[in-house]
Protein backbone atom coordinates (compact mmCIF):
# COMPACT_ATOMS: atom_id res chain seq x y z
CA UNK A 1 159.73 71.90 96.65
CA UNK A 2 162.67 71.52 98.99
CA UNK A 3 166.03 71.02 97.18
CA UNK A 4 167.15 68.91 100.14
CA UNK A 5 164.58 66.20 99.48
CA UNK A 6 166.23 62.82 98.93
CA UNK A 7 165.41 59.82 96.82
CA UNK A 8 163.12 58.17 99.33
CA UNK A 9 161.11 61.35 99.81
CA UNK A 10 160.53 61.97 96.13
CA UNK A 11 156.88 62.33 95.17
CA UNK A 12 155.06 59.53 96.94
CA UNK A 13 157.49 57.24 98.74
CA UNK A 14 158.41 59.21 101.84
CA UNK A 15 159.54 56.44 104.17
CA UNK A 16 162.74 58.16 105.21
CA UNK A 17 160.98 61.40 106.02
CA UNK A 18 158.52 59.65 108.32
CA UNK A 19 161.09 57.69 110.29
CA UNK A 20 164.19 59.83 110.01
CA UNK A 21 167.13 57.85 111.26
CA UNK A 22 170.10 59.60 112.76
CA UNK A 23 172.75 59.28 110.09
CA UNK A 24 176.08 61.07 109.84
CA UNK A 25 176.43 63.65 107.12
CA UNK A 26 178.28 62.40 104.07
CA UNK A 27 180.45 64.43 101.75
CA UNK A 28 179.04 65.18 98.29
CA UNK A 29 180.90 64.21 95.16
CA UNK A 30 183.54 66.75 94.20
CA UNK A 31 184.35 68.02 90.72
CA UNK A 32 187.53 65.95 90.76
CA UNK A 33 185.56 62.78 91.56
CA UNK A 34 182.82 63.37 89.00
CA UNK A 35 182.88 61.09 85.93
CA UNK A 36 183.89 62.64 82.64
CA UNK A 37 182.95 59.80 80.29
CA UNK A 38 180.03 57.46 79.72
CA UNK A 39 180.12 53.85 80.88
CA UNK A 40 177.66 50.98 80.70
CA UNK A 41 177.62 47.48 82.17
CA UNK A 42 174.58 45.18 82.03
CA UNK A 43 174.75 42.29 84.51
CA UNK A 44 173.26 38.81 84.13
CA UNK A 45 169.96 39.92 85.66
CA UNK A 46 169.69 42.80 83.20
CA UNK A 47 170.46 45.47 85.80
CA UNK A 48 172.29 48.39 84.20
CA UNK A 49 175.30 49.91 85.96
CA UNK A 50 175.80 53.12 84.01
CA UNK A 51 177.40 56.55 84.04
CA UNK A 52 176.13 59.26 81.75
CA UNK A 53 177.41 62.78 81.12
CA UNK A 54 174.33 64.78 80.07
CA UNK A 55 174.60 68.38 78.82
CA UNK A 56 171.83 70.92 79.39
CA UNK A 57 169.49 71.03 76.35
CA UNK A 58 169.82 74.37 74.62
CA UNK A 59 166.18 74.58 73.57
CA UNK A 60 165.08 75.16 77.17
CA UNK A 61 164.38 78.70 78.30
CA UNK A 62 167.34 80.45 79.96
CA UNK A 63 165.43 80.30 83.24
CA UNK A 64 164.94 76.54 82.94
CA UNK A 65 168.58 75.99 81.96
CA UNK A 66 169.63 77.87 85.08
CA UNK A 67 167.17 75.95 87.25
CA UNK A 68 168.31 72.47 86.24
CA UNK A 69 171.97 73.55 86.45
CA UNK A 70 171.67 74.33 90.16
CA UNK A 71 174.01 72.14 92.19
CA UNK A 72 172.39 69.89 94.80
CA UNK A 73 174.40 67.64 97.16
CA UNK A 74 174.26 64.02 96.08
CA UNK A 75 174.64 62.80 99.66
CA UNK A 76 172.30 63.99 102.39
CA UNK A 77 170.66 62.61 105.56
CA UNK A 78 166.89 62.00 105.64
CA UNK A 79 164.62 64.93 106.44
CA UNK A 80 162.33 64.55 109.46
CA UNK A 81 158.63 64.66 108.66
CA UNK A 82 158.01 67.71 110.86
CA UNK A 83 160.81 69.57 109.09
CA UNK A 84 159.50 68.50 105.69
CA UNK A 85 156.00 69.72 106.47
CA UNK A 86 157.32 73.03 107.80
CA UNK A 87 159.46 73.62 104.71
CA UNK A 88 156.62 72.70 102.35
CA UNK A 89 154.18 74.98 104.17
CA UNK A 90 156.67 77.84 103.97
CA UNK A 91 157.14 77.11 100.29
CA UNK A 92 153.42 77.31 99.67
CA UNK A 93 153.19 80.71 101.38
CA UNK A 94 155.91 81.94 99.03
CA UNK A 95 154.33 80.35 95.94
CA UNK A 96 150.93 81.81 96.85
CA UNK A 97 152.39 85.31 96.68
CA UNK A 98 154.42 84.63 93.53
CA UNK A 99 151.59 83.02 91.56
CA UNK A 100 149.05 85.62 92.70
CA UNK A 101 151.16 88.29 91.00
CA UNK A 102 150.88 86.33 87.76
CA UNK A 103 147.22 85.37 88.26
CA UNK A 104 145.36 87.85 90.52
CA UNK A 105 142.61 86.20 92.53
CA UNK A 106 140.48 86.07 95.63
CA UNK A 107 141.17 83.18 98.00
CA UNK A 108 138.76 82.03 100.71
CA UNK A 109 139.87 79.57 103.38
CA UNK A 110 136.82 77.57 104.41
CA UNK A 111 135.46 74.02 104.73
CA UNK A 112 133.49 71.75 102.43
CA UNK A 113 132.12 68.45 103.74
CA UNK A 114 133.96 69.20 106.97
CA UNK A 115 137.36 69.40 105.22
CA UNK A 116 139.56 72.50 104.95
CA UNK A 117 139.83 73.92 101.44
CA UNK A 118 141.25 76.89 99.57
CA UNK A 119 138.67 78.33 97.17
CA UNK A 120 140.50 80.29 94.48
CA UNK A 121 138.35 82.61 92.37
CA UNK A 122 140.31 84.16 89.48
CA UNK A 123 140.12 87.85 88.79
CA UNK A 124 137.91 88.52 85.76
CA UNK A 125 136.02 85.23 85.89
CA UNK A 126 133.14 85.55 83.41
CA UNK A 127 129.58 85.07 84.64
CA UNK A 128 129.29 82.10 82.30
CA UNK A 129 131.77 80.19 84.46
CA UNK A 130 129.89 80.65 87.72
CA UNK A 131 128.40 77.17 87.33
CA UNK A 132 131.78 75.49 86.79
CA UNK A 133 134.36 74.30 89.33
CA UNK A 134 137.68 72.46 89.39
CA UNK A 135 138.75 70.24 92.30
CA UNK A 136 142.47 70.21 93.05
CA UNK A 137 144.25 67.53 95.09
CA UNK A 138 147.71 68.81 96.00
CA UNK A 139 151.03 67.00 95.79
CA UNK A 140 153.37 66.26 98.67
CA UNK A 141 154.09 62.53 99.00
CA UNK A 142 150.73 62.06 100.75
CA UNK A 143 152.38 63.41 103.91
CA UNK A 144 152.71 67.16 103.29
CA UNK A 145 151.27 70.02 101.23
CA UNK A 146 153.64 70.77 98.37
CA UNK A 147 151.18 72.36 95.97
CA UNK A 148 147.77 73.51 97.18
CA UNK A 149 148.49 77.06 95.99
CA UNK A 150 151.04 76.25 93.25
CA UNK A 151 148.50 74.01 91.52
CA UNK A 152 145.30 75.94 92.09
CA UNK A 153 146.18 79.60 91.47
CA UNK A 154 147.63 79.31 87.93
CA UNK A 155 144.99 76.88 86.69
CA UNK A 156 142.22 79.09 88.08
CA UNK A 157 143.84 82.17 86.59
CA UNK A 158 144.35 80.80 83.09
CA UNK A 159 141.07 78.86 82.85
CA UNK A 160 138.99 81.60 84.52
CA UNK A 161 137.26 78.86 86.50
CA UNK A 162 137.00 78.61 90.29
CA UNK A 163 139.27 76.01 91.91
CA UNK A 164 138.60 74.22 95.21
CA UNK A 165 141.91 72.89 96.58
CA UNK A 166 141.24 70.12 99.10
CA UNK A 167 143.49 69.84 102.16
CA UNK A 168 142.89 66.14 102.58
CA UNK A 169 144.06 64.09 105.56
CA UNK A 170 147.74 63.14 105.43
CA UNK A 171 149.72 59.97 106.05
CA UNK A 172 151.12 58.48 108.21
CA UNK A 173 148.42 59.65 110.61
CA UNK A 174 145.72 58.84 108.05
CA UNK A 175 146.71 56.08 105.58
CA UNK A 176 144.81 54.96 102.48
CA UNK A 177 141.92 55.33 101.81
CA UNK A 178 141.47 58.44 103.99
CA UNK A 179 142.60 60.92 101.32
CA UNK A 180 140.47 59.17 98.68
CA UNK A 181 137.44 59.35 100.98
CA UNK A 182 138.09 63.07 101.56
CA UNK A 183 138.24 63.84 97.85
CA UNK A 184 135.02 61.93 97.22
CA UNK A 185 133.30 63.70 100.12
CA UNK A 186 134.11 67.11 98.62
CA UNK A 187 133.05 65.95 95.15
CA UNK A 188 129.70 64.65 96.45
CA UNK A 189 129.09 67.94 98.26
CA UNK A 190 129.84 69.96 95.12
CA UNK A 191 127.46 67.76 93.13
CA UNK A 192 124.68 69.39 95.14
CA UNK A 193 125.51 72.71 93.43
CA UNK A 194 127.30 71.82 90.20
CA UNK A 195 126.46 69.43 87.37
CA UNK A 196 129.05 66.65 86.97
CA UNK A 197 129.61 67.89 83.39
CA UNK A 198 130.80 71.16 84.94
CA UNK A 199 133.32 69.64 87.36
CA UNK A 200 136.87 68.44 86.75
CA UNK A 201 139.32 66.81 89.17
CA UNK A 202 143.08 67.15 88.95
CA UNK A 203 146.33 67.06 90.88
CA UNK A 204 150.10 66.81 90.75
CA UNK A 205 152.26 63.95 92.05
CA UNK A 206 150.48 62.46 95.08
CA UNK A 207 147.46 64.54 94.07
CA UNK A 208 147.60 63.12 90.55
CA UNK A 209 147.63 59.63 92.01
CA UNK A 210 144.67 60.55 94.20
CA UNK A 211 142.86 61.83 91.12
CA UNK A 212 143.30 58.46 89.44
CA UNK A 213 142.32 56.59 92.60
CA UNK A 214 139.21 58.72 93.10
CA UNK A 215 138.11 58.19 89.50
CA UNK A 216 138.23 54.41 89.96
CA UNK A 217 136.39 54.66 93.28
CA UNK A 218 133.67 56.89 91.77
CA UNK A 219 133.10 54.21 89.15
CA UNK A 220 132.87 51.51 91.83
CA UNK A 221 130.34 53.61 93.76
CA UNK A 222 128.23 54.28 90.67
CA UNK A 223 128.52 58.04 91.12
CA UNK A 224 128.36 60.36 88.11
CA UNK A 225 131.74 61.03 86.57
CA UNK A 226 133.25 64.52 86.34
CA UNK A 227 133.80 66.04 82.92
CA UNK A 228 137.58 65.61 82.97
CA UNK A 229 140.62 64.43 84.89
CA UNK A 230 144.09 65.94 85.13
CA UNK A 231 146.91 63.56 86.16
CA UNK A 232 150.06 65.61 86.26
CA UNK A 233 153.05 63.37 87.05
CA UNK A 234 151.26 60.40 88.55
CA UNK A 235 152.02 57.00 90.03
CA UNK A 236 150.37 54.08 88.27
CA UNK A 237 150.78 51.46 91.00
CA UNK A 238 152.35 50.61 94.36
CA UNK A 239 153.29 47.02 93.50
CA UNK A 240 156.51 47.72 91.56
CA UNK A 241 158.82 50.53 90.53
CA UNK A 242 158.89 51.83 86.97
CA UNK A 243 162.09 52.50 85.02
CA UNK A 244 162.44 56.26 85.52
CA UNK A 245 162.26 55.73 89.29
CA UNK A 246 165.76 54.23 89.09
CA UNK A 247 167.21 57.17 87.15
CA UNK A 248 165.85 60.43 88.51
CA UNK A 249 165.40 62.29 91.80
CA UNK A 250 163.08 65.11 92.74
CA UNK A 251 165.58 67.39 91.02
CA UNK A 252 165.95 65.26 87.91
CA UNK A 253 169.62 64.31 87.49
CA UNK A 254 170.69 66.24 90.63
CA UNK A 255 170.67 65.12 94.24
CA UNK A 256 170.84 61.88 96.17
CA UNK A 257 169.66 58.67 94.51
CA UNK A 258 169.40 55.29 96.24
CA UNK A 259 170.33 52.13 94.30
CA UNK A 260 167.22 50.65 92.66
CA UNK A 261 165.05 48.50 94.90
CA UNK A 262 161.96 47.18 93.16
CA UNK A 263 160.37 46.13 96.45
CA UNK A 264 159.99 49.61 97.90
CA UNK A 265 156.63 51.27 98.33
CA UNK A 266 155.11 53.67 100.83
CA UNK A 267 153.80 51.65 103.80
CA UNK A 268 152.82 54.85 105.60
CA UNK A 269 150.27 55.65 102.92
CA UNK A 270 149.44 52.11 101.83
CA UNK A 271 148.92 50.68 105.31
CA UNK A 272 147.64 47.12 105.10
CA UNK A 273 146.04 47.51 101.65
CA UNK A 274 146.85 44.98 98.94
CA UNK A 275 149.40 46.65 96.64
CA UNK A 276 147.37 45.54 93.62
CA UNK A 277 144.09 46.92 94.97
CA UNK A 278 142.50 48.56 91.88
CA UNK A 279 141.80 51.84 93.68
CA UNK A 280 145.24 52.11 95.26
CA UNK A 281 146.97 51.02 92.02
CA UNK A 282 144.72 52.07 89.09
CA UNK A 283 146.88 50.24 86.54
CA UNK A 284 145.03 47.10 87.75
CA UNK A 285 141.54 48.68 87.57
CA UNK A 286 138.84 48.53 84.93
CA UNK A 287 139.33 51.99 83.46
CA UNK A 288 136.60 51.80 80.85
CA UNK A 289 134.14 54.67 80.96
CA UNK A 290 136.41 57.15 82.72
CA UNK A 291 136.20 60.77 81.53
CA UNK A 292 138.71 62.45 79.21
CA UNK A 293 142.09 62.78 80.89
CA UNK A 294 145.17 64.91 80.41
CA UNK A 295 148.53 63.50 81.52
CA UNK A 296 151.56 65.79 81.87
CA UNK A 297 155.09 64.85 82.88
CA UNK A 298 158.69 65.72 82.01
CA UNK A 299 161.68 63.84 80.67
CA UNK A 300 163.72 63.96 83.92
CA UNK A 301 160.74 63.14 86.14
CA UNK A 302 161.03 60.12 88.43
CA UNK A 303 157.37 59.42 87.57
CA UNK A 304 157.82 59.73 83.82
CA UNK A 305 157.45 55.97 83.31
CA UNK A 306 154.48 55.65 85.65
CA UNK A 307 152.67 58.54 83.99
CA UNK A 308 153.27 57.13 80.52
CA UNK A 309 152.20 53.63 81.60
CA UNK A 310 148.93 54.82 83.10
CA UNK A 311 148.26 56.93 80.02
CA UNK A 312 148.65 53.81 77.87
CA UNK A 313 146.30 51.91 80.18
CA UNK A 314 143.69 54.63 79.69
CA UNK A 315 144.13 54.34 75.93
CA UNK A 316 143.74 50.55 76.07
CA UNK A 317 140.48 51.09 77.95
CA UNK A 318 139.20 53.39 75.21
CA UNK A 319 139.46 56.57 77.27
CA UNK A 320 140.13 59.90 75.55
CA UNK A 321 143.58 60.41 77.08
CA UNK A 322 146.30 62.87 76.03
CA UNK A 323 149.96 62.92 77.14
CA UNK A 324 152.31 65.93 77.15
CA UNK A 325 155.99 65.45 78.01
CA UNK A 326 158.36 68.40 78.52
CA UNK A 327 162.02 67.86 77.66
CA UNK A 328 164.74 67.74 80.35
CA UNK A 329 162.76 69.28 83.21
CA UNK A 330 162.34 67.61 86.63
CA UNK A 331 159.32 66.50 88.62
CA UNK A 332 156.50 69.07 88.99
CA UNK A 333 158.54 71.86 87.42
CA UNK A 334 155.27 73.76 86.83
CA UNK A 335 155.24 74.80 90.48
CA UNK A 336 157.82 77.48 89.65
CA UNK A 337 156.20 80.64 88.21
CA UNK A 338 159.59 81.95 87.05
CA UNK A 339 159.91 79.35 84.28
CA UNK A 340 158.28 80.05 80.89
CA UNK A 341 157.74 76.29 80.65
CA UNK A 342 155.66 76.45 83.86
CA UNK A 343 153.43 79.09 82.33
CA UNK A 344 153.08 76.97 79.19
CA UNK A 345 152.23 73.83 81.19
CA UNK A 346 149.67 75.70 83.29
CA UNK A 347 148.04 77.06 80.14
CA UNK A 348 147.84 73.52 78.71
CA UNK A 349 146.12 72.32 81.89
CA UNK A 350 143.75 75.29 82.02
CA UNK A 351 142.82 75.15 78.33
CA UNK A 352 142.04 71.43 78.59
CA UNK A 353 139.64 71.98 81.51
CA UNK A 354 138.01 75.02 79.94
CA UNK A 355 137.26 73.07 76.76
CA UNK A 356 136.00 69.96 78.53
CA UNK A 357 133.69 71.91 80.83
CA UNK A 358 132.27 73.90 77.92
CA UNK A 359 130.95 70.88 76.02
């Protein structure tokens, strides 16, 4: 992910990247200006005005400590959508090569249900897994591809199960429910070859949100449910902002952060849809009967609160839902193959799917 991404481009809400205003560059905070002590003021409305000095946790791997210590300017102009897409595409080319060294594979670029897909077949896949498949929905704020290779290659490699990564239609050209419809179209096509008990659906960030949205829509349509869901740093709704959204950026505690605004959502993805539509915002849906789900997030993730809230909603609905939270790391840290924590997270994802599809 691009280290220049700003608060409004984090994860799902990419308003500033779509309509990039011409703004003068601003100077980042200097070492002399940086606070050296904690402060806290709670106003009459309960809004917290705080400063925190947060050391790097020493139980992280040396690689992770170095990663979260990287300096990122805290003031930056918006990134144009075309530039964002170009940088994300370049990043995926790099991640494809890096992850393929860790998890050797064969990748076929083709179409399913008329949609472009990457089909990742891991090296050494046992014959017993030929009848199993995982569907990946990549992250990227609904408007770019931040993870089609970063999410599919390691999970395929560690689970030894084929992954179909769907290159769904992007906003703002194609707002909700276009991406949901695309995911369902691929799922329905794969149902012609695979049993639902041998299919799982998963994604990161925007793709995690799509996974949750598609699960609700499958229930509405009366279609057979997949064996499992993977919601890795997900949004729970578009109607309001959760707490961690006010504290963290794409880089955790680094980078530009806008003052909290509970009214913000992503109109370029949402379009004219009611913000409390149960497919768009699954926290308002009837979640009973959904398949087992794995939620993964991290402590400095802007979607930490949303992921935890949706996990609790699954539990309230009686769904077999598990939550794993990594300490101190930022949003979607598992994209980086150089972090031991990324390898651990990818193994957790892969092991969950392998077990669920073997029942």
